[in-house]
């Protein structure tokens, strides 16, 4: 995955799987980040905890990896596509984890 090249123009501010229902629980689908207390597949209902908000401040791409629970299957399919935004966000986060 480290050798992959991505077209950054394909990445926009709004994640394609962004929640349309603010009451929908979100699931974090990014890589584990023990130093920031982020664990893959953790579900958040309601407001995000302060620890997650702090993690987003350090690595803003984390926000792109918080998707509605009902979008998990779509996310999993998209992650298999080498040029997908999901794959790019994962790579960016993994690269930033190295510098924590």
C-alpha atoms as a PDB file:
ATOM      1  CA  UNK A   1       0.000   0.000   0.000  1.00  0.00           C
ATOM      2  CA  UNK A   2       2.892   2.375   0.609  1.00  0.00           C
ATOM      3  CA  UNK A   3       3.803   2.389  -3.095  1.00  0.00           C
ATOM      4  CA  UNK A   4       0.348   3.354  -4.269  1.00  0.00           C
ATOM      5  CA  UNK A   5      -0.208   6.696  -5.909  1.00  0.00           C
ATOM      6  CA  UNK A   6      -3.438   8.594  -5.443  1.00  0.00           C
ATOM      7  CA  UNK A   7      -5.021  11.447  -7.305  1.00  0.00           C
ATOM      8  CA  UNK A   8      -5.524  13.978  -4.510  1.00  0.00           C
ATOM      9  CA  UNK A   9      -8.000  15.885  -6.693  1.00  0.00           C
ATOM     10  CA  UNK A  10     -10.411  12.968  -6.267  1.00  0.00           C
ATOM     11  CA  UNK A  11     -10.477  13.613  -2.543  1.00  0.00           C
ATOM     12  CA  UNK A  12     -13.016  16.201  -1.528  1.00  0.00           C
ATOM     13  CA  UNK A  13     -14.002  17.673   1.802  1.00  0.00           C
ATOM     14  CA  UNK A  14     -17.089  15.501   2.133  1.00  0.00           C
ATOM     15  CA  UNK A  15     -16.510  11.785   2.487  1.00  0.00           C
ATOM     16  CA  UNK A  16     -18.681   9.830   0.020  1.00  0.00           C
ATOM     17  CA  UNK A  17     -20.135   7.790   2.889  1.00  0.00           C
ATOM     18  CA  UNK A  18     -20.800  10.770   5.154  1.00  0.00           C
ATOM     19  CA  UNK A  19     -23.796  10.516   7.435  1.00  0.00           C
ATOM     20  CA  UNK A  20     -26.996  12.037   6.158  1.00  0.00           C
ATOM     21  CA  UNK A  21     -28.799  11.311   9.427  1.00  0.00           C
ATOM     22  CA  UNK A  22     -27.146  13.068  12.386  1.00  0.00           C
ATOM     23  CA  UNK A  23     -28.669  10.479  14.787  1.00  0.00           C
ATOM     24  CA  UNK A  24     -27.072   7.556  12.946  1.00  0.00           C
ATOM     25  CA  UNK A  25     -24.287   5.895  14.976  1.00  0.00           C
ATOM     26  CA  UNK A  26     -20.835   6.272  13.423  1.00  0.00           C
ATOM     27  CA  UNK A  27     -18.165   3.609  13.210  1.00  0.00           C
ATOM     28  CA  UNK A  28     -14.443   4.345  12.988  1.00  0.00           C
ATOM     29  CA  UNK A  29     -13.026   2.334  10.081  1.00  0.00           C
ATOM     30  CA  UNK A  30      -9.495   3.701   9.988  1.00  0.00           C
ATOM     31  CA  UNK A  31      -6.362   2.030  11.313  1.00  0.00           C
ATOM     32  CA  UNK A  32      -5.814   1.500  15.030  1.00  0.00           C
ATOM     33  CA  UNK A  33      -4.031   4.439  16.663  1.00  0.00           C
ATOM     34  CA  UNK A  34      -3.210   3.378  20.227  1.00  0.00           C
ATOM     35  CA  UNK A  35      -1.425   6.650  21.031  1.00  0.00           C
ATOM     36  CA  UNK A  36      -4.633   8.574  20.320  1.00  0.00           C
ATOM     37  CA  UNK A  37      -7.047   6.001  21.727  1.00  0.00           C
ATOM     38  CA  UNK A  38      -8.578   5.179  18.348  1.00  0.00           C
ATOM     39  CA  UNK A  39      -9.585   1.570  17.650  1.00  0.00           C
ATOM     40  CA  UNK A  40     -10.953   0.305  14.362  1.00  0.00           C
ATOM     41  CA  UNK A  41     -14.655  -0.599  14.373  1.00  0.00           C
ATOM     42  CA  UNK A  42     -15.473   1.418  17.498  1.00  0.00           C
ATOM     43  CA  UNK A  43     -19.051   2.698  17.298  1.00  0.00           C
ATOM     44  CA  UNK A  44     -19.999   6.181  18.505  1.00  0.00           C
ATOM     45  CA  UNK A  45     -23.577   7.253  19.143  1.00  0.00           C
ATOM     46  CA  UNK A  46     -24.414  10.886  19.678  1.00  0.00           C
ATOM     47  CA  UNK A  47     -21.632  13.415  20.154  1.00  0.00           C
ATOM     48  CA  UNK A  48     -18.073  12.242  19.658  1.00  0.00           C
ATOM     49  CA  UNK A  49     -16.040  11.827  22.857  1.00  0.00           C
ATOM     50  CA  UNK A  50     -13.444  14.488  23.613  1.00  0.00           C
ATOM     51  CA  UNK A  51     -10.644  11.954  22.975  1.00  0.00           C
ATOM     52  CA  UNK A  52     -11.898  11.465  19.408  1.00  0.00           C
ATOM     53  CA  UNK A  53     -12.176  15.224  18.873  1.00  0.00           C
ATOM     54  CA  UNK A  54      -8.567  15.591  20.112  1.00  0.00           C
ATOM     55  CA  UNK A  55      -7.437  12.826  17.747  1.00  0.00           C
ATOM     56  CA  UNK A  56      -9.177  14.587  14.836  1.00  0.00           C
ATOM     57  CA  UNK A  57      -7.288  17.780  15.698  1.00  0.00           C
ATOM     58  CA  UNK A  58      -3.988  15.903  15.402  1.00  0.00           C
ATOM     59  CA  UNK A  59      -4.985  13.864  12.323  1.00  0.00           C
ATOM     60  CA  UNK A  60      -7.926  15.536  10.523  1.00  0.00           C
ATOM     61  CA  UNK A  61      -8.356  12.581   8.134  1.00  0.00           C
ATOM     62  CA  UNK A  62      -9.736  10.557  11.057  1.00  0.00           C
ATOM     63  CA  UNK A  63     -12.999  12.424  10.549  1.00  0.00           C
ATOM     64  CA  UNK A  64     -13.211  10.948   7.048  1.00  0.00           C
ATOM     65  CA  UNK A  65     -13.002   7.480   8.570  1.00  0.00           C
ATOM     66  CA  UNK A  66     -16.050   7.955  10.804  1.00  0.00           C
ATOM     67  CA  UNK A  67     -18.891   6.602   8.685  1.00  0.00           C
ATOM     68  CA  UNK A  68     -22.499   5.618   9.339  1.00  0.00           C
ATOM     69  CA  UNK A  69     -22.771   2.054  10.604  1.00  0.00           C
ATOM     70  CA  UNK A  70     -25.054   1.153   7.710  1.00  0.00           C
ATOM     71  CA  UNK A  71     -22.323   2.198   5.219  1.00  0.00           C
ATOM     72  CA  UNK A  72     -19.784  -0.354   6.488  1.00  0.00           C
ATOM     73  CA  UNK A  73     -20.353  -2.816   3.636  1.00  0.00           C
ATOM     74  CA  UNK A  74     -19.958  -0.058   1.021  1.00  0.00           C
ATOM     75  CA  UNK A  75     -16.784   1.112   2.738  1.00  0.00           C
ATOM     76  CA  UNK A  76     -15.363  -2.427   2.728  1.00  0.00           C
ATOM     77  CA  UNK A  77     -15.995  -2.746  -1.020  1.00  0.00           C
ATOM     78  CA  UNK A  78     -14.477   0.670  -1.747  1.00  0.00           C
ATOM     79  CA  UNK A  79     -11.363  -0.128   0.279  1.00  0.00           C
ATOM     80  CA  UNK A  80     -10.510  -2.834  -2.265  1.00  0.00           C
ATOM     81  CA  UNK A  81     -10.243  -0.255  -5.056  1.00  0.00           C
ATOM     82  CA  UNK A  82      -6.640   1.052  -5.228  1.00  0.00           C
ATOM     83  CA  UNK A  83      -7.585   4.630  -6.148  1.00  0.00           C
ATOM     84  CA  UNK A  84     -10.510   4.998  -3.729  1.00  0.00           C
ATOM     85  CA  UNK A  85     -10.736   7.810  -1.167  1.00  0.00           C
ATOM     86  CA  UNK A  86     -11.080   5.176   1.563  1.00  0.00           C
ATOM     87  CA  UNK A  87      -7.711   3.700   0.630  1.00  0.00           C
ATOM     88  CA  UNK A  88      -6.109   7.144   0.464  1.00  0.00           C
ATOM     89  CA  UNK A  89      -7.403   8.183   3.887  1.00  0.00           C
ATOM     90  CA  UNK A  90      -6.078   4.953   5.386  1.00  0.00           C
ATOM     91  CA  UNK A  91      -2.655   5.556   3.845  1.00  0.00           C
ATOM     92  CA  UNK A  92      -2.530   9.186   4.993  1.00  0.00           C
ATOM     93  CA  UNK A  93      -3.454   8.205   8.542  1.00  0.00           C
ATOM     94  CA  UNK A  94      -0.900   5.377   8.592  1.00  0.00           C
ATOM     95  CA  UNK A  95       1.792   7.792   7.420  1.00  0.00           C
ATOM     96  CA  UNK A  96       0.851  10.338  10.088  1.00  0.00           C
ATOM     97  CA  UNK A  97       0.826   7.665  12.822  1.00  0.00           C
ATOM     98  CA  UNK A  98       4.537   7.122  12.164  1.00  0.00           C
ATOM     99  CA  UNK A  99       5.222  10.730  13.157  1.00  0.00           C
ATOM    100  CA  UNK A 100       3.303  10.696  16.460  1.00  0.00           C
END
